[in-house]
Amino acid sequence: MKILLIVLGVLLVVGLIAGGQAVSVNNLLVAEQEAYKKAWADVDIALQRRADLIPNLVSTVKGFAAQEKEILESVANARSALLNARTPQQKIEANGGLDSAIGRLLMVVENYPVLKSSENFLRLQDELAGTENRIAVERRKYNEAVQKFNTTIGLFPNNLLAGMLGFQRNDDYFKTDPGARTVPAVKF
């Protein structure tokens, strides 16, 4: 009888330790999941700010370069795609399209010296540059939060409990555009 009580006591202690570990892992994963969701919200705010600047930039450029209709439309369409995207992955993809369209727009501006010297354009370009910097910072923070969450899920014994608790990897990272890794040719 004494041995049975000892065995039950040991099983009870082991069960309490395992239960405590499960609660601890669950709390950690919930906290990290909320951290990457908050980081995504910060990215979303910065993307929205940039999307709000685009119509002003386009209308300023349109006044000087109306013949660049195709590029202006591509910027408007890319902005619309970003605003209509719902999931982080859709927004990441739409953001890439907007990055590309804005880049083409700014290249066209080089052909219009009067536009480049317009006070309104310069102010908008400054605001856009500041917003791009904020987006870059928020992207980095988001990627770090997702990476921390994914690492925590992958570690033993968390990986055993994460699946049972309903947590899954998040692979919605911002990635560098492959073209961004090549150095542009400089003409002298």
C-alpha atoms as a PDB file:
ATOM      1  CA  MET A   1       0.000   0.000   0.000  1.00  0.00           C
ATOM      2  CA  LYS A   2       2.848   2.318   0.853  1.00  0.00           C
ATOM      3  CA  ILE A   3       4.479   1.742  -2.524  1.00  0.00           C
ATOM      4  CA  LEU A   4       1.201   2.526  -4.304  1.00  0.00           C
ATOM      5  CA  LEU A   5       0.937   5.870  -2.491  1.00  0.00           C
ATOM      6  CA  ILE A   6       4.546   6.712  -3.374  1.00  0.00           C
ATOM      7  CA  VAL A   7       3.933   5.837  -7.036  1.00  0.00           C
ATOM      8  CA  LEU A   8       0.729   7.935  -7.073  1.00  0.00           C
ATOM      9  CA  GLY A   9       2.566  10.815  -5.401  1.00  0.00           C
ATOM     10  CA  VAL A  10       5.390  10.662  -7.972  1.00  0.00           C
ATOM     11  CA  LEU A  11       2.859  10.504 -10.836  1.00  0.00           C
ATOM     12  CA  LEU A  12       0.995  13.468  -9.371  1.00  0.00           C
ATOM     13  CA  VAL A  13       4.211  15.527  -9.113  1.00  0.00           C
ATOM     14  CA  VAL A  14       5.229  14.580 -12.673  1.00  0.00           C
ATOM     15  CA  GLY A  15       1.722  15.486 -13.903  1.00  0.00           C
ATOM     16  CA  LEU A  16       1.871  18.858 -12.144  1.00  0.00           C
ATOM     17  CA  ILE A  17       5.296  19.589 -13.631  1.00  0.00           C
ATOM     18  CA  ALA A  18       4.124  18.586 -17.132  1.00  0.00           C
ATOM     19  CA  GLY A  19       0.931  20.648 -16.744  1.00  0.00           C
ATOM     20  CA  GLY A  20       2.913  23.641 -15.520  1.00  0.00           C
ATOM     21  CA  GLN A  21       5.272  23.324 -18.477  1.00  0.00           C
ATOM     22  CA  ALA A  22       2.319  23.174 -20.887  1.00  0.00           C
ATOM     23  CA  VAL A  23       0.775  26.304 -19.349  1.00  0.00           C
ATOM     24  CA  SER A  24       4.125  28.077 -19.457  1.00  0.00           C
ATOM     25  CA  VAL A  25       4.725  27.196 -23.128  1.00  0.00           C
ATOM     26  CA  ASN A  26       1.157  28.228 -24.010  1.00  0.00           C
ATOM     27  CA  ASN A  27       1.595  31.604 -22.316  1.00  0.00           C
ATOM     28  CA  LEU A  28       4.951  32.166 -24.018  1.00  0.00           C
ATOM     29  CA  LEU A  29       3.550  31.331 -27.458  1.00  0.00           C
ATOM     30  CA  VAL A  30       0.488  33.526 -26.946  1.00  0.00           C
ATOM     31  CA  ALA A  31       2.722  36.442 -25.917  1.00  0.00           C
ATOM     32  CA  GLU A  32       5.010  35.976 -28.936  1.00  0.00           C
ATOM     33  CA  GLN A  33       2.061  35.577 -31.298  1.00  0.00           C
ATOM     34  CA  GLU A  34       0.601  38.839 -30.012  1.00  0.00           C
ATOM     35  CA  ALA A  35       4.011  40.495 -30.427  1.00  0.00           C
ATOM     36  CA  TYR A  36       4.196  39.611 -34.110  1.00  0.00           C
ATOM     37  CA  LYS A  37       0.567  40.650 -34.616  1.00  0.00           C
ATOM     38  CA  LYS A  38       1.377  44.021 -33.027  1.00  0.00           C
ATOM     39  CA  ALA A  39       4.479  44.308 -35.197  1.00  0.00           C
ATOM     40  CA  TRP A  40       2.321  43.606 -38.247  1.00  0.00           C
ATOM     41  CA  ALA A  41      -0.124  46.324 -37.159  1.00  0.00           C
ATOM     42  CA  ASP A  42       2.807  48.768 -37.024  1.00  0.00           C
ATOM     43  CA  VAL A  43       3.849  47.750 -40.557  1.00  0.00           C
ATOM     44  CA  ASP A  44       0.252  48.148 -41.697  1.00  0.00           C
ATOM     45  CA  ILE A  45       0.078  51.674 -40.250  1.00  0.00           C
ATOM     46  CA  ALA A  46       3.271  52.683 -42.072  1.00  0.00           C
ATOM     47  CA  LEU A  47       2.002  51.141 -45.336  1.00  0.00           C
ATOM     48  CA  GLN A  48      -1.279  53.022 -44.939  1.00  0.00           C
ATOM     49  CA  ARG A  49       0.590  56.291 -44.399  1.00  0.00           C
ATOM     50  CA  ARG A  50       2.524  55.743 -47.617  1.00  0.00           C
ATOM     51  CA  ALA A  51      -0.669  54.806 -49.471  1.00  0.00           C
ATOM     52  CA  ASP A  52      -2.210  58.065 -48.231  1.00  0.00           C
ATOM     53  CA  LEU A  53       0.734  60.079 -49.628  1.00  0.00           C
ATOM     54  CA  ILE A  54       0.537  58.498 -53.074  1.00  0.00           C
ATOM     55  CA  PRO A  55      -2.504  60.419 -54.426  1.00  0.00           C
ATOM     56  CA  ASN A  56      -0.852  63.762 -53.582  1.00  0.00           C
ATOM     57  CA  LEU A  57       2.396  62.676 -55.213  1.00  0.00           C
ATOM     58  CA  VAL A  58       0.594  61.402 -58.309  1.00  0.00           C
ATOM     59  CA  SER A  59      -1.466  64.577 -58.695  1.00  0.00           C
ATOM     60  CA  THR A  60       1.665  66.716 -58.380  1.00  0.00           C
ATOM     61  CA  VAL A  61       3.490  64.657 -61.000  1.00  0.00           C
ATOM     62  CA  LYS A  62       0.385  64.615 -63.204  1.00  0.00           C
ATOM     63  CA  GLY A  63       0.447  68.416 -63.374  1.00  0.00           C
ATOM     64  CA  PHE A  64       3.951  68.340 -64.849  1.00  0.00           C
ATOM     65  CA  ALA A  65       4.033  65.029 -66.683  1.00  0.00           C
ATOM     66  CA  ALA A  66       0.530  64.243 -67.904  1.00  0.00           C
ATOM     67  CA  GLN A  67       1.964  62.234 -70.807  1.00  0.00           C
ATOM     68  CA  GLU A  68       3.272  59.632 -68.323  1.00  0.00           C
ATOM     69  CA  LYS A  69      -0.263  58.284 -67.933  1.00  0.00           C
ATOM     70  CA  GLU A  70       0.753  54.596 -67.950  1.00  0.00           C
ATOM     71  CA  ILE A  71       3.124  54.995 -65.009  1.00  0.00           C
ATOM     72  CA  LEU A  72       0.637  57.115 -63.068  1.00  0.00           C
ATOM     73  CA  GLU A  73      -2.018  54.441 -63.605  1.00  0.00           C
ATOM     74  CA  SER A  74       0.355  51.683 -62.472  1.00  0.00           C
ATOM     75  CA  VAL A  75       0.994  53.600 -59.233  1.00  0.00           C
ATOM     76  CA  ALA A  76      -2.747  54.058 -58.685  1.00  0.00           C
ATOM     77  CA  ASN A  77      -3.422  50.377 -59.399  1.00  0.00           C
ATOM     78  CA  ALA A  78      -0.620  49.242 -57.085  1.00  0.00           C
ATOM     79  CA  ARG A  79      -1.945  51.508 -54.319  1.00  0.00           C
ATOM     80  CA  SER A  80      -5.431  50.076 -54.817  1.00  0.00           C
ATOM     81  CA  ALA A  81      -4.070  46.521 -54.630  1.00  0.00           C
ATOM     82  CA  LEU A  82      -2.353  47.351 -51.329  1.00  0.00           C
ATOM     83  CA  LEU A  83      -5.482  48.894 -49.847  1.00  0.00           C
ATOM     84  CA  ASN A  84      -7.608  45.904 -50.935  1.00  0.00           C
ATOM     85  CA  ALA A  85      -5.194  43.259 -49.627  1.00  0.00           C
ATOM     86  CA  ARG A  86      -6.442  41.551 -46.492  1.00  0.00           C
ATOM     87  CA  THR A  87      -3.862  39.031 -45.253  1.00  0.00           C
ATOM     88  CA  PRO A  88      -0.268  39.846 -44.358  1.00  0.00           C
ATOM     89  CA  GLN A  89       0.966  37.768 -47.318  1.00  0.00           C
ATOM     90  CA  GLN A  90      -1.322  39.643 -49.730  1.00  0.00           C
ATOM     91  CA  LYS A  91      -0.154  42.974 -48.309  1.00  0.00           C
ATOM     92  CA  ILE A  92       3.491  41.953 -48.559  1.00  0.00           C
ATOM     93  CA  GLU A  93       2.995  41.069 -52.244  1.00  0.00           C
ATOM     94  CA  ALA A  94       0.975  44.230 -52.970  1.00  0.00           C
ATOM     95  CA  ASN A  95       3.618  46.310 -51.204  1.00  0.00           C
ATOM     96  CA  GLY A  96       6.253  44.906 -53.556  1.00  0.00           C
ATOM     97  CA  GLY A  97       4.152  46.034 -56.510  1.00  0.00           C
ATOM     98  CA  LEU A  98       3.768  49.505 -55.029  1.00  0.00           C
ATOM     99  CA  ASP A  99       7.513  49.723 -54.355  1.00  0.00           C
ATOM    100  CA  SER A 100       8.166  48.947 -58.009  1.00  0.00           C
ATOM    101  CA  ALA A 101       5.561  51.425 -59.291  1.00  0.00           C
ATOM    102  CA  ILE A 102       6.874  54.239 -57.076  1.00  0.00           C
ATOM    103  CA  GLY A 103      10.413  53.482 -58.230  1.00  0.00           C
ATOM    104  CA  ARG A 104       9.348  53.822 -61.874  1.00  0.00           C
ATOM    105  CA  LEU A 105       7.510  57.053 -61.044  1.00  0.00           C
ATOM    106  CA  LEU A 106      10.568  58.563 -59.369  1.00  0.00           C
ATOM    107  CA  MET A 107      12.720  57.570 -62.359  1.00  0.00           C
ATOM    108  CA  VAL A 108      10.316  59.437 -64.665  1.00  0.00           C
ATOM    109  CA  VAL A 109      10.588  62.510 -62.437  1.00  0.00           C
ATOM    110  CA  GLU A 110      14.280  62.721 -63.378  1.00  0.00           C
ATOM    111  CA  ASN A 111      13.160  63.755 -66.871  1.00  0.00           C
ATOM    112  CA  TYR A 112      11.305  66.820 -65.537  1.00  0.00           C
ATOM    113  CA  PRO A 113      13.689  69.333 -63.909  1.00  0.00           C
ATOM    114  CA  VAL A 114      10.864  71.794 -63.201  1.00  0.00           C
ATOM    115  CA  LEU A 115       8.977  69.087 -61.314  1.00  0.00           C
ATOM    116  CA  LYS A 116      12.086  68.105 -59.351  1.00  0.00           C
ATOM    117  CA  SER A 117      12.390  71.701 -58.151  1.00  0.00           C
ATOM    118  CA  SER A 118       8.687  72.085 -57.270  1.00  0.00           C
ATOM    119  CA  GLU A 119       8.333  72.867 -53.572  1.00  0.00           C
ATOM    120  CA  ASN A 120       5.233  70.687 -53.270  1.00  0.00           C
ATOM    121  CA  PHE A 121       6.970  67.756 -54.958  1.00  0.00           C
ATOM    122  CA  LEU A 122      10.077  68.127 -52.799  1.00  0.00           C
ATOM    123  CA  ARG A 123       7.945  68.159 -49.634  1.00  0.00           C
ATOM    124  CA  LEU A 124       6.037  65.066 -50.765  1.00  0.00           C
ATOM    125  CA  GLN A 125       9.261  63.329 -51.741  1.00  0.00           C
ATOM    126  CA  ASP A 126      10.672  64.085 -48.262  1.00  0.00           C
ATOM    127  CA  GLU A 127       7.545  62.729 -46.588  1.00  0.00           C
ATOM    128  CA  LEU A 128       7.684  59.639 -48.764  1.00  0.00           C
ATOM    129  CA  ALA A 129      11.355  59.068 -47.933  1.00  0.00           C
ATOM    130  CA  GLY A 130      10.615  59.383 -44.209  1.00  0.00           C
ATOM    131  CA  THR A 131       7.712  56.978 -44.549  1.00  0.00           C
ATOM    132  CA  GLU A 132       9.870  54.505 -46.483  1.00  0.00           C
ATOM    133  CA  ASN A 133      12.369  54.602 -43.611  1.00  0.00           C
ATOM    134  CA  ARG A 134       9.573  53.923 -41.103  1.00  0.00           C
ATOM    135  CA  ILE A 135       8.346  51.036 -43.228  1.00  0.00           C
ATOM    136  CA  ALA A 136      11.841  49.547 -43.337  1.00  0.00           C
ATOM    137  CA  VAL A 137      12.148  49.764 -39.548  1.00  0.00           C
ATOM    138  CA  GLU A 138       8.704  48.255 -38.983  1.00  0.00           C
ATOM    139  CA  ARG A 139       9.386  45.465 -41.497  1.00  0.00           C
ATOM    140  CA  ARG A 140      12.552  44.579 -39.633  1.00  0.00           C
ATOM    141  CA  LYS A 141      10.732  44.530 -36.298  1.00  0.00           C
ATOM    142  CA  TYR A 142       7.958  42.380 -37.773  1.00  0.00           C
ATOM    143  CA  ASN A 143      10.434  39.899 -39.263  1.00  0.00           C
ATOM    144  CA  GLU A 144      12.248  39.698 -35.915  1.00  0.00           C
ATOM    145  CA  ALA A 145       8.986  39.030 -34.043  1.00  0.00           C
ATOM    146  CA  VAL A 146       7.936  36.323 -36.518  1.00  0.00           C
ATOM    147  CA  GLN A 147      11.396  34.764 -36.378  1.00  0.00           C
ATOM    148  CA  LYS A 148      11.327  34.706 -32.555  1.00  0.00           C
ATOM    149  CA  PHE A 149       7.872  33.089 -32.584  1.00  0.00           C
ATOM    150  CA  ASN A 150       8.957  30.477 -35.141  1.00  0.00           C
ATOM    151  CA  THR A 151      12.131  29.724 -33.189  1.00  0.00           C
ATOM    152  CA  THR A 152      10.176  29.259 -29.973  1.00  0.00           C
ATOM    153  CA  ILE A 153       7.779  26.872 -31.696  1.00  0.00           C
ATOM    154  CA  GLY A 154      10.693  24.883 -33.135  1.00  0.00           C
ATOM    155  CA  LEU A 155      12.516  24.377 -29.834  1.00  0.00           C
ATOM    156  CA  PHE A 156      12.086  21.198 -27.820  1.00  0.00           C
ATOM    157  CA  PRO A 157       9.787  20.616 -25.864  1.00  0.00           C
ATOM    158  CA  ASN A 158       7.811  23.583 -27.199  1.00  0.00           C
ATOM    159  CA  ASN A 159       7.485  21.883 -30.597  1.00  0.00           C
ATOM    160  CA  LEU A 160       5.622  18.986 -28.988  1.00  0.00           C
ATOM    161  CA  LEU A 161       3.195  21.249 -27.167  1.00  0.00           C
ATOM    162  CA  ALA A 162       2.777  23.926 -29.883  1.00  0.00           C
ATOM    163  CA  GLY A 163       1.004  21.555 -32.252  1.00  0.00           C
ATOM    164  CA  MET A 164      -1.286  20.260 -29.509  1.00  0.00           C
ATOM    165  CA  LEU A 165      -2.096  23.835 -28.474  1.00  0.00           C
ATOM    166  CA  GLY A 166      -2.912  24.858 -32.067  1.00  0.00           C
ATOM    167  CA  PHE A 167       0.118  27.057 -32.814  1.00  0.00           C
ATOM    168  CA  GLN A 168       1.664  26.935 -36.292  1.00  0.00           C
ATOM    169  CA  ARG A 169       4.673  28.552 -37.947  1.00  0.00           C
ATOM    170  CA  ASN A 170       4.157  31.919 -39.574  1.00  0.00           C
ATOM    171  CA  ASP A 171       6.112  32.190 -42.822  1.00  0.00           C
ATOM    172  CA  ASP A 172       4.818  35.642 -43.821  1.00  0.00           C
ATOM    173  CA  TYR A 173       8.217  37.335 -43.851  1.00  0.00           C
ATOM    174  CA  PHE A 174       9.186  40.430 -45.797  1.00  0.00           C
ATOM    175  CA  LYS A 175      11.887  39.291 -48.173  1.00  0.00           C
ATOM    176  CA  THR A 176      14.364  41.316 -50.179  1.00  0.00           C
ATOM    177  CA  ASP A 177      13.530  41.656 -53.845  1.00  0.00           C
ATOM    178  CA  PRO A 178      16.159  39.618 -55.756  1.00  0.00           C
ATOM    179  CA  GLY A 179      16.864  42.647 -57.963  1.00  0.00           C
ATOM    180  CA  ALA A 180      17.783  44.694 -54.894  1.00  0.00           C
ATOM    181  CA  ARG A 181      20.914  42.597 -54.419  1.00  0.00           C
ATOM    182  CA  THR A 182      22.492  43.677 -57.701  1.00  0.00           C
ATOM    183  CA  VAL A 183      24.486  46.854 -57.787  1.00  0.00           C
ATOM    184  CA  PRO A 184      23.161  49.272 -60.406  1.00  0.00           C
ATOM    185  CA  ALA A 185      25.489  50.167 -63.245  1.00  0.00           C
ATOM    186  CA  VAL A 186      26.959  53.625 -62.816  1.00  0.00           C
ATOM    187  CA  LYS A 187      27.618  55.671 -65.936  1.00  0.00           C
ATOM    188  CA  PHE A 188      30.409  58.202 -65.903  1.00  0.00           C
END
